Amino acid sequence: MFFSKEQVDRGRKIVNAGIVILTFLLIVSLIIDFASYDTGNLIKHVVIFGLVLINIFLYYKGNRIAFRITMFLLSMVYIFVFGLLPVYLILILLRMLNVLDAFGGALYLIIPAVIIITINVIIFKTDLYDDVLAFKTYYNRNIKK
């Protein structure tokens, strides 16, 4: 399968944006644990944050295993950002407006399903998945064999 250079560049930008989002989420988690004075969770999150930072450093150095781990972590970040976060925010908004209990609670299932389907259609129509796949294929072929 052949990809254009523009697709690979867009995929690289998407992956780099995901790495920034992942780092931001980990920093926020550390700040929350530090503010709550929970040393057990703080130590655990510092270790996880350190491992993820080492993995990101190895990814940028060209390590294939770090690349696969980074892609796995980024898939979780994208699921959270594009799927769960909008569902969570809209459910909070609708709960504040007392709309969710209107049909006996059926909207608790219908609204998240509609949001997730809409976001999936948007992702596949804008070719975000194809761009990341192009970057992944390029990386596997050309980086440190």
Protein backbone atom coordinates (compact mmCIF):
# COMPACT_ATOMS: atom_id res chain seq x y z
CA MET A 1 0.00 0.00 0.00
CA PHE A 2 1.44 3.33 -1.05
CA PHE A 3 1.03 6.53 0.95
CA SER A 4 1.90 10.05 0.02
CA LYS A 5 4.43 12.15 1.90
CA GLU A 6 1.63 14.50 3.01
CA GLN A 7 -0.23 11.60 4.65
CA VAL A 8 2.91 10.52 6.47
CA ASP A 9 3.54 14.09 7.66
CA ARG A 10 -0.05 14.44 8.88
CA GLY A 11 0.25 11.10 10.66
CA ARG A 12 3.48 12.23 12.33
CA LYS A 13 1.74 15.41 13.50
CA ILE A 14 -1.19 13.40 14.87
CA VAL A 15 1.17 11.06 16.73
CA ASN A 16 3.18 13.98 18.13
CA ALA A 17 -0.03 15.68 19.27
CA GLY A 18 -1.05 12.45 20.98
CA ILE A 19 2.29 12.29 22.78
CA VAL A 20 1.79 15.86 24.02
CA ILE A 21 -1.73 15.00 25.21
CA LEU A 22 -0.44 11.85 26.95
CA THR A 23 2.26 13.84 28.72
CA PHE A 24 -0.27 16.50 29.73
CA LEU A 25 -2.65 13.86 31.16
CA LEU A 26 0.18 12.28 33.15
CA ILE A 27 1.28 15.65 34.53
CA VAL A 28 -2.30 16.46 35.56
CA SER A 29 -2.52 13.08 37.28
CA LEU A 30 0.69 13.82 39.17
CA ILE A 31 -0.59 17.24 40.22
CA ILE A 32 -3.86 15.77 41.48
CA ASP A 33 -2.02 13.11 43.49
CA PHE A 34 0.40 15.69 44.87
CA ALA A 35 -2.48 17.96 45.91
CA SER A 36 -4.33 15.11 47.64
CA TYR A 37 -1.27 14.16 49.74
CA ASP A 38 -1.67 10.50 48.82
CA THR A 39 1.91 9.25 48.84
CA GLY A 40 1.08 5.72 47.69
CA ASN A 41 -0.60 6.87 44.50
CA LEU A 42 1.97 9.64 44.03
CA ILE A 43 4.88 7.20 44.06
CA LYS A 44 3.03 4.85 41.71
CA HIS A 45 2.23 7.66 39.26
CA VAL A 46 5.79 9.03 39.39
CA VAL A 47 7.09 5.59 38.43
CA ILE A 48 4.54 5.26 35.61
CA PHE A 49 5.30 8.79 34.40
CA GLY A 50 9.02 8.02 34.40
CA LEU A 51 8.51 4.80 32.43
CA VAL A 52 6.34 6.58 29.87
CA LEU A 53 8.90 9.38 29.50
CA ILE A 54 11.69 6.84 28.99
CA ASN A 55 9.51 5.07 26.41
CA ILE A 56 8.84 8.35 24.57
CA PHE A 57 12.57 9.15 24.61
CA LEU A 58 13.37 5.72 23.16
CA TYR A 59 10.63 6.19 20.55
CA TYR A 60 12.24 9.40 19.35
CA LYS A 61 15.63 7.64 19.28
CA GLY A 62 14.17 5.07 16.86
CA ASN A 63 13.52 1.99 19.02
CA ARG A 64 10.92 -0.33 17.43
CA ILE A 65 9.64 -1.77 20.72
CA ALA A 66 9.18 1.73 22.13
CA PHE A 67 7.33 2.62 18.92
CA ARG A 68 4.86 -0.23 19.43
CA ILE A 69 4.35 0.66 23.10
CA THR A 70 3.86 4.32 22.19
CA MET A 71 1.27 3.43 19.55
CA PHE A 72 -0.57 1.32 22.13
CA LEU A 73 -0.54 4.17 24.66
CA LEU A 74 -1.66 6.65 22.02
CA SER A 75 -4.58 4.44 21.01
CA MET A 76 -5.79 4.62 24.61
CA VAL A 77 -5.32 8.40 24.65
CA TYR A 78 -7.28 8.80 21.42
CA ILE A 79 -10.08 6.57 22.72
CA PHE A 80 -10.25 8.75 25.83
CA VAL A 81 -10.03 12.11 24.07
CA PHE A 82 -12.25 11.37 21.07
CA GLY A 83 -14.67 8.91 22.65
CA LEU A 84 -15.05 9.01 26.39
CA LEU A 85 -14.39 12.67 27.15
CA PRO A 86 -17.19 14.06 24.93
CA VAL A 87 -19.61 11.43 26.24
CA TYR A 88 -18.71 12.26 29.81
CA LEU A 89 -19.02 16.02 29.31
CA ILE A 90 -22.35 15.79 27.51
CA LEU A 91 -23.78 13.41 30.11
CA ILE A 92 -22.77 15.86 32.84
CA LEU A 93 -24.45 18.70 30.95
CA LEU A 94 -27.64 16.71 30.39
CA ARG A 95 -27.70 15.56 34.00
CA MET A 96 -27.49 19.19 35.14
CA LEU A 97 -30.43 20.02 32.85
CA ASN A 98 -32.43 17.01 34.18
CA VAL A 99 -32.92 15.60 30.69
CA LEU A 100 -31.51 12.11 31.17
CA ASP A 101 -34.36 10.72 33.27
CA ALA A 102 -37.03 11.83 30.79
CA PHE A 103 -37.53 8.42 29.12
CA GLY A 104 -36.96 6.16 32.08
CA GLY A 105 -33.19 6.27 31.82
CA ALA A 106 -32.96 5.06 28.21
CA LEU A 107 -31.06 8.20 27.29
CA TYR A 108 -28.15 6.98 29.42
CA LEU A 109 -27.53 4.40 26.68
CA ILE A 110 -28.77 6.20 23.58
CA ILE A 111 -26.82 9.45 23.93
CA PRO A 112 -23.36 7.86 24.41
CA ALA A 113 -24.01 5.50 21.49
CA VAL A 114 -24.99 8.39 19.21
CA ILE A 115 -21.95 10.44 20.27
CA ILE A 116 -19.49 7.58 19.78
CA ILE A 117 -20.94 6.67 16.37
CA THR A 118 -20.80 10.32 15.28
CA ILE A 119 -17.19 10.70 16.39
CA ASN A 120 -16.21 7.45 14.63
CA VAL A 121 -17.80 8.68 11.40
CA ILE A 122 -15.96 12.00 11.72
CA ILE A 123 -12.63 10.25 12.34
CA PHE A 124 -12.99 7.96 9.34
CA LYS A 125 -14.27 10.72 7.03
CA THR A 126 -11.33 12.98 7.84
CA ASP A 127 -8.86 10.12 7.23
CA LEU A 128 -7.15 10.49 10.61
CA TYR A 129 -6.85 6.72 10.86
CA ASP A 130 -5.34 6.45 7.38
CA ASP A 131 -2.79 9.15 8.17
CA VAL A 132 -1.65 7.40 11.35
CA LEU A 133 -1.52 4.09 9.46
CA ALA A 134 0.61 5.75 6.76
CA PHE A 135 3.02 7.06 9.39
CA LYS A 136 3.14 3.67 11.12
CA THR A 137 3.89 1.89 7.84
CA TYR A 138 6.57 4.46 6.94
CA TYR A 139 8.15 4.16 10.38
CA ASN A 140 8.22 0.36 10.24
CA ARG A 141 9.82 0.35 6.77
CA ASN A 142 12.36 3.13 7.07
CA ILE A 143 13.43 3.56 10.68
CA LYS A 144 16.27 1.44 12.06
CA LYS A 145 15.96 -1.95 10.45
